Amino acid sequence: MISDKMTRALNEQVNREMYSAYLYMAMSAHCSQEGLKGFANWFMVQYHEEMLHAMKFYEYIQRQGARVKLAAIKEPPAEFESPLDMFTKTLAHEQFITRSINDLMELAIAEKDHASQIFLEWYVTEQVEEEENDNDIIAQLKFIKDNPQGLMMLDRELAGRAANMPTDFSKGIESAMAASGA
């Protein structure tokens, strides 16, 4: 069983992951409205990833015999200046999530909560990937600048991103991941 302090912190992280999903859904909607269907696809795949992250925390809390306590999700922004603006904000948000995961890991270490440390290792690795992906796209967008042909090429590339994670968690996260091959 995990401590009350760890339970509160993990529940807060469920909320952060749900907000992340909500943010990326808003970005996807904005891109669709702007005719950038590839960018919209990239952000919708990101939405699904964040929902998976939230569900992993949700189930971990329950598996540890603790109570899940869901809180209100704040409203994300709906308007963005450009794809570069969105990815700059995405990177800043992922850096915030990385700090949050690191804080959870520090709490697990301080509490000698080895199970939570092992659980959180996956997220530590995942955040390195998240920030790397954002930095790569930001570099491409900076290279493209105001070139519409370059933007359309990147849009087509981002349209190829597929959601290879489960979206049905009704039988549990591990069953869903096994069924999807993730």
C-alpha atoms as a PDB file:
ATOM      1  CA  MET A   1       0.000   0.000   0.000  1.00  0.00           C
ATOM      2  CA  ILE A   2       1.185   3.515  -0.771  1.00  0.00           C
ATOM      3  CA  SER A   3       1.121   6.424   1.657  1.00  0.00           C
ATOM      4  CA  ASP A   4      -1.575   9.083   1.756  1.00  0.00           C
ATOM      5  CA  LYS A   5       0.977  11.633   0.560  1.00  0.00           C
ATOM      6  CA  MET A   6       1.923   9.454  -2.430  1.00  0.00           C
ATOM      7  CA  THR A   7      -1.745   8.802  -3.164  1.00  0.00           C
ATOM      8  CA  ARG A   8      -2.482  12.549  -3.258  1.00  0.00           C
ATOM      9  CA  ALA A   9       0.521  13.189  -5.489  1.00  0.00           C
ATOM     10  CA  LEU A  10      -0.427  10.388  -7.894  1.00  0.00           C
ATOM     11  CA  ASN A  11      -4.029  11.622  -8.059  1.00  0.00           C
ATOM     12  CA  GLU A  12      -2.710  15.089  -8.924  1.00  0.00           C
ATOM     13  CA  GLN A  13      -0.698  13.476 -11.724  1.00  0.00           C
ATOM     14  CA  VAL A  14      -3.832  11.779 -13.087  1.00  0.00           C
ATOM     15  CA  ASN A  15      -5.300  15.283 -13.366  1.00  0.00           C
ATOM     16  CA  ARG A  16      -2.163  16.618 -15.085  1.00  0.00           C
ATOM     17  CA  GLU A  17      -2.245  13.771 -17.608  1.00  0.00           C
ATOM     18  CA  MET A  18      -5.949  14.346 -18.266  1.00  0.00           C
ATOM     19  CA  TYR A  19      -5.244  18.060 -18.755  1.00  0.00           C
ATOM     20  CA  SER A  20      -2.471  17.106 -21.185  1.00  0.00           C
ATOM     21  CA  ALA A  21      -4.961  15.062 -23.201  1.00  0.00           C
ATOM     22  CA  TYR A  22      -7.438  17.945 -23.107  1.00  0.00           C
ATOM     23  CA  LEU A  23      -4.731  20.398 -24.235  1.00  0.00           C
ATOM     24  CA  TYR A  24      -3.726  18.219 -27.187  1.00  0.00           C
ATOM     25  CA  MET A  25      -7.365  17.722 -28.153  1.00  0.00           C
ATOM     26  CA  ALA A  26      -7.749  21.521 -28.221  1.00  0.00           C
ATOM     27  CA  MET A  27      -4.624  21.825 -30.359  1.00  0.00           C
ATOM     28  CA  SER A  28      -5.943  19.133 -32.713  1.00  0.00           C
ATOM     29  CA  ALA A  29      -9.241  20.992 -33.053  1.00  0.00           C
ATOM     30  CA  HIS A  30      -7.411  24.241 -33.812  1.00  0.00           C
ATOM     31  CA  CYS A  31      -5.275  22.551 -36.476  1.00  0.00           C
ATOM     32  CA  SER A  32      -8.343  20.973 -38.097  1.00  0.00           C
ATOM     33  CA  GLN A  33     -10.003  24.377 -38.217  1.00  0.00           C
ATOM     34  CA  GLU A  34      -6.891  25.802 -39.888  1.00  0.00           C
ATOM     35  CA  GLY A  35      -6.793  23.029 -42.521  1.00  0.00           C
ATOM     36  CA  LEU A  36      -3.672  21.395 -41.069  1.00  0.00           C
ATOM     37  CA  LYS A  37      -5.022  17.850 -40.938  1.00  0.00           C
ATOM     38  CA  GLY A  38      -1.586  16.272 -40.410  1.00  0.00           C
ATOM     39  CA  PHE A  39      -0.886  18.470 -37.389  1.00  0.00           C
ATOM     40  CA  ALA A  40      -4.420  17.708 -36.157  1.00  0.00           C
ATOM     41  CA  ASN A  41      -3.647  13.998 -36.464  1.00  0.00           C
ATOM     42  CA  TRP A  42      -0.357  14.350 -34.566  1.00  0.00           C
ATOM     43  CA  PHE A  43      -2.078  16.114 -31.682  1.00  0.00           C
ATOM     44  CA  MET A  44      -4.969  13.614 -31.621  1.00  0.00           C
ATOM     45  CA  VAL A  45      -2.472  10.740 -31.370  1.00  0.00           C
ATOM     46  CA  GLN A  46      -0.851  12.705 -28.546  1.00  0.00           C
ATOM     47  CA  TYR A  47      -4.276  12.975 -26.900  1.00  0.00           C
ATOM     48  CA  HIS A  48      -4.583   9.170 -26.922  1.00  0.00           C
ATOM     49  CA  GLU A  49      -1.074   8.796 -25.469  1.00  0.00           C
ATOM     50  CA  GLU A  50      -1.917  11.128 -22.607  1.00  0.00           C
ATOM     51  CA  MET A  51      -5.129   9.225 -21.881  1.00  0.00           C
ATOM     52  CA  LEU A  52      -3.045   6.045 -21.682  1.00  0.00           C
ATOM     53  CA  HIS A  53      -0.672   7.782 -19.260  1.00  0.00           C
ATOM     54  CA  ALA A  54      -3.593   8.902 -17.080  1.00  0.00           C
ATOM     55  CA  MET A  55      -5.110   5.425 -17.070  1.00  0.00           C
ATOM     56  CA  LYS A  56      -1.802   3.843 -16.046  1.00  0.00           C
ATOM     57  CA  PHE A  57      -1.685   6.143 -13.001  1.00  0.00           C
ATOM     58  CA  TYR A  58      -5.380   5.529 -12.300  1.00  0.00           C
ATOM     59  CA  GLU A  59      -4.948   1.766 -12.264  1.00  0.00           C
ATOM     60  CA  TYR A  60      -1.683   1.897 -10.310  1.00  0.00           C
ATOM     61  CA  ILE A  61      -3.386   3.848  -7.531  1.00  0.00           C
ATOM     62  CA  GLN A  62      -6.168   1.247  -7.398  1.00  0.00           C
ATOM     63  CA  ARG A  63      -3.778  -1.706  -7.544  1.00  0.00           C
ATOM     64  CA  GLN A  64      -1.998  -0.254  -4.534  1.00  0.00           C
ATOM     65  CA  GLY A  65      -5.250  -0.286  -2.577  1.00  0.00           C
ATOM     66  CA  ALA A  66      -5.588   3.483  -2.560  1.00  0.00           C
ATOM     67  CA  ARG A  67      -8.510   5.662  -3.598  1.00  0.00           C
ATOM     68  CA  VAL A  68      -8.621   7.467  -6.926  1.00  0.00           C
ATOM     69  CA  LYS A  69      -9.896  11.001  -6.481  1.00  0.00           C
ATOM     70  CA  LEU A  70     -10.619  12.820  -9.720  1.00  0.00           C
ATOM     71  CA  ALA A  71     -10.548  16.618  -9.793  1.00  0.00           C
ATOM     72  CA  ALA A  72     -11.848  19.155 -12.296  1.00  0.00           C
ATOM     73  CA  ILE A  73      -9.755  19.597 -15.422  1.00  0.00           C
ATOM     74  CA  LYS A  74      -8.997  23.205 -16.241  1.00  0.00           C
ATOM     75  CA  GLU A  75      -9.926  24.584 -19.624  1.00  0.00           C
ATOM     76  CA  PRO A  76      -7.055  24.565 -22.136  1.00  0.00           C
ATOM     77  CA  PRO A  77      -6.378  27.430 -24.543  1.00  0.00           C
ATOM     78  CA  ALA A  78      -8.296  27.197 -27.814  1.00  0.00           C
ATOM     79  CA  GLU A  79      -6.400  29.637 -30.033  1.00  0.00           C
ATOM     80  CA  PHE A  80      -2.792  29.483 -31.153  1.00  0.00           C
ATOM     81  CA  GLU A  81      -0.684  31.766 -33.327  1.00  0.00           C
ATOM     82  CA  SER A  82       0.976  29.105 -35.452  1.00  0.00           C
ATOM     83  CA  PRO A  83       2.194  25.502 -35.489  1.00  0.00           C
ATOM     84  CA  LEU A  84       5.471  26.748 -33.990  1.00  0.00           C
ATOM     85  CA  ASP A  85       3.530  28.416 -31.179  1.00  0.00           C
ATOM     86  CA  MET A  86       1.693  25.145 -30.494  1.00  0.00           C
ATOM     87  CA  PHE A  87       4.860  23.066 -30.392  1.00  0.00           C
ATOM     88  CA  THR A  88       6.670  25.620 -28.251  1.00  0.00           C
ATOM     89  CA  LYS A  89       3.763  25.411 -25.809  1.00  0.00           C
ATOM     90  CA  THR A  90       3.739  21.624 -26.123  1.00  0.00           C
ATOM     91  CA  LEU A  91       7.432  21.451 -25.209  1.00  0.00           C
ATOM     92  CA  ALA A  92       6.937  23.787 -22.239  1.00  0.00           C
ATOM     93  CA  HIS A  93       4.023  21.668 -21.065  1.00  0.00           C
ATOM     94  CA  GLU A  94       5.994  18.425 -21.432  1.00  0.00           C
ATOM     95  CA  GLN A  95       8.871  19.973 -19.475  1.00  0.00           C
ATOM     96  CA  PHE A  96       6.344  20.768 -16.717  1.00  0.00           C
ATOM     97  CA  ILE A  97       5.175  17.136 -16.809  1.00  0.00           C
ATOM     98  CA  THR A  98       8.797  15.952 -16.663  1.00  0.00           C
ATOM     99  CA  ARG A  99       9.363  18.041 -13.521  1.00  0.00           C
ATOM    100  CA  SER A 100       6.179  16.602 -12.057  1.00  0.00           C
ATOM    101  CA  ILE A 101       7.273  13.013 -12.771  1.00  0.00           C
ATOM    102  CA  ASN A 102      10.693  13.776 -11.283  1.00  0.00           C
ATOM    103  CA  ASP A 103       9.000  15.168  -8.166  1.00  0.00           C
ATOM    104  CA  LEU A 104       6.950  11.977  -7.883  1.00  0.00           C
ATOM    105  CA  MET A 105      10.119   9.926  -8.195  1.00  0.00           C
ATOM    106  CA  GLU A 106      11.799  12.015  -5.473  1.00  0.00           C
ATOM    107  CA  LEU A 107       8.800  11.451  -3.216  1.00  0.00           C
ATOM    108  CA  ALA A 108       8.908   7.696  -3.868  1.00  0.00           C
ATOM    109  CA  ILE A 109      12.633   7.670  -3.062  1.00  0.00           C
ATOM    110  CA  ALA A 110      12.130   9.702   0.122  1.00  0.00           C
ATOM    111  CA  GLU A 111       9.361   7.356   1.247  1.00  0.00           C
ATOM    112  CA  LYS A 112      11.368   4.253   0.271  1.00  0.00           C
ATOM    113  CA  ASP A 113       8.395   3.305  -1.915  1.00  0.00           C
ATOM    114  CA  HIS A 114      10.176   0.898  -4.248  1.00  0.00           C
ATOM    115  CA  ALA A 115       7.023  -0.184  -6.084  1.00  0.00           C
ATOM    116  CA  SER A 116       6.234   3.413  -7.055  1.00  0.00           C
ATOM    117  CA  GLN A 117       9.861   3.983  -8.087  1.00  0.00           C
ATOM    118  CA  ILE A 118       9.681   1.021 -10.453  1.00  0.00           C
ATOM    119  CA  PHE A 119       6.303   2.167 -11.772  1.00  0.00           C
ATOM    120  CA  LEU A 120       7.585   5.720 -12.373  1.00  0.00           C
ATOM    121  CA  GLU A 121      10.694   4.603 -14.305  1.00  0.00           C
ATOM    122  CA  TRP A 122       8.518   4.072 -17.389  1.00  0.00           C
ATOM    123  CA  TYR A 123       7.356   7.700 -17.200  1.00  0.00           C
ATOM    124  CA  VAL A 124      10.888   9.020 -16.759  1.00  0.00           C
ATOM    125  CA  THR A 125      11.900   7.301 -20.003  1.00  0.00           C
ATOM    126  CA  GLU A 126       8.673   8.367 -21.731  1.00  0.00           C
ATOM    127  CA  GLN A 127       9.304  12.035 -20.917  1.00  0.00           C
ATOM    128  CA  VAL A 128      12.734  11.943 -22.560  1.00  0.00           C
ATOM    129  CA  GLU A 129      11.004  10.743 -25.736  1.00  0.00           C
ATOM    130  CA  GLU A 130       8.229  13.341 -25.464  1.00  0.00           C
ATOM    131  CA  GLU A 131      10.656  16.257 -25.197  1.00  0.00           C
ATOM    132  CA  GLU A 132      12.876  14.889 -27.970  1.00  0.00           C
ATOM    133  CA  ASN A 133       9.902  14.610 -30.359  1.00  0.00           C
ATOM    134  CA  ASP A 134       8.804  18.158 -29.588  1.00  0.00           C
ATOM    135  CA  ASN A 135      12.323  19.541 -30.033  1.00  0.00           C
ATOM    136  CA  ASP A 136      12.648  17.764 -33.402  1.00  0.00           C
ATOM    137  CA  ILE A 137       9.412  19.256 -34.717  1.00  0.00           C
ATOM    138  CA  ILE A 138      10.293  22.706 -33.363  1.00  0.00           C
ATOM    139  CA  ALA A 139      13.631  22.529 -35.226  1.00  0.00           C
ATOM    140  CA  GLN A 140      11.808  21.632 -38.450  1.00  0.00           C
ATOM    141  CA  LEU A 141       9.287  24.443 -37.988  1.00  0.00           C
ATOM    142  CA  LYS A 142      12.083  26.959 -37.370  1.00  0.00           C
ATOM    143  CA  PHE A 143      13.824  25.751 -40.529  1.00  0.00           C
ATOM    144  CA  ILE A 144      10.601  26.051 -42.539  1.00  0.00           C
ATOM    145  CA  LYS A 145       9.830  29.561 -41.199  1.00  0.00           C
ATOM    146  CA  ASP A 146       7.090  31.023 -43.424  1.00  0.00           C
ATOM    147  CA  ASN A 147       7.537  28.594 -46.331  1.00  0.00           C
ATOM    148  CA  PRO A 148       4.040  27.219 -47.121  1.00  0.00           C
ATOM    149  CA  GLN A 149       5.459  24.317 -49.172  1.00  0.00           C
ATOM    150  CA  GLY A 150       7.635  23.256 -46.234  1.00  0.00           C
ATOM    151  CA  LEU A 151       4.682  23.509 -43.863  1.00  0.00           C
ATOM    152  CA  MET A 152       2.551  21.347 -46.157  1.00  0.00           C
ATOM    153  CA  MET A 153       5.342  18.748 -46.402  1.00  0.00           C
ATOM    154  CA  LEU A 154       5.590  18.595 -42.613  1.00  0.00           C
ATOM    155  CA  ASP A 155       1.791  18.431 -42.361  1.00  0.00           C
ATOM    156  CA  ARG A 156       1.810  15.384 -44.662  1.00  0.00           C
ATOM    157  CA  GLU A 157       4.561  13.777 -42.608  1.00  0.00           C
ATOM    158  CA  LEU A 158       2.672  14.311 -39.333  1.00  0.00           C
ATOM    159  CA  ALA A 159      -0.459  12.813 -40.911  1.00  0.00           C
ATOM    160  CA  GLY A 160       1.379   9.485 -40.959  1.00  0.00           C
ATOM    161  CA  ARG A 161       1.623   9.237 -37.181  1.00  0.00           C
ATOM    162  CA  ALA A 162      -0.591   6.417 -35.957  1.00  0.00           C
ATOM    163  CA  ALA A 163      -2.019   5.728 -32.531  1.00  0.00           C
ATOM    164  CA  ASN A 164      -0.503   2.372 -31.615  1.00  0.00           C
ATOM    165  CA  MET A 165      -1.832   2.371 -28.089  1.00  0.00           C
ATOM    166  CA  PRO A 166      -5.088   0.990 -26.756  1.00  0.00           C
ATOM    167  CA  THR A 167      -8.093   3.224 -26.345  1.00  0.00           C
ATOM    168  CA  ASP A 168     -10.446   0.770 -24.610  1.00  0.00           C
ATOM    169  CA  PHE A 169      -9.460   0.393 -20.960  1.00  0.00           C
ATOM    170  CA  SER A 170     -12.628  -1.377 -19.793  1.00  0.00           C
ATOM    171  CA  LYS A 171     -10.751  -4.626 -19.064  1.00  0.00           C
ATOM    172  CA  GLY A 172      -7.769  -2.878 -17.502  1.00  0.00           C
ATOM    173  CA  ILE A 173      -4.700  -1.178 -18.875  1.00  0.00           C
ATOM    174  CA  GLU A 174      -2.479  -4.257 -19.063  1.00  0.00           C
ATOM    175  CA  SER A 175      -5.132  -6.279 -20.925  1.00  0.00           C
ATOM    176  CA  ALA A 176      -5.684  -3.397 -23.309  1.00  0.00           C
ATOM    177  CA  MET A 177      -1.964  -2.992 -23.953  1.00  0.00           C
ATOM    178  CA  ALA A 178      -1.522  -6.722 -24.572  1.00  0.00           C
ATOM    179  CA  ALA A 179      -4.510  -6.822 -26.936  1.00  0.00           C
ATOM    180  CA  SER A 180      -3.188  -3.861 -28.950  1.00  0.00           C
ATOM    181  CA  GLY A 181       0.391  -5.116 -29.077  1.00  0.00           C
ATOM    182  CA  ALA A 182       1.634  -1.953 -27.355  1.00  0.00           C
END
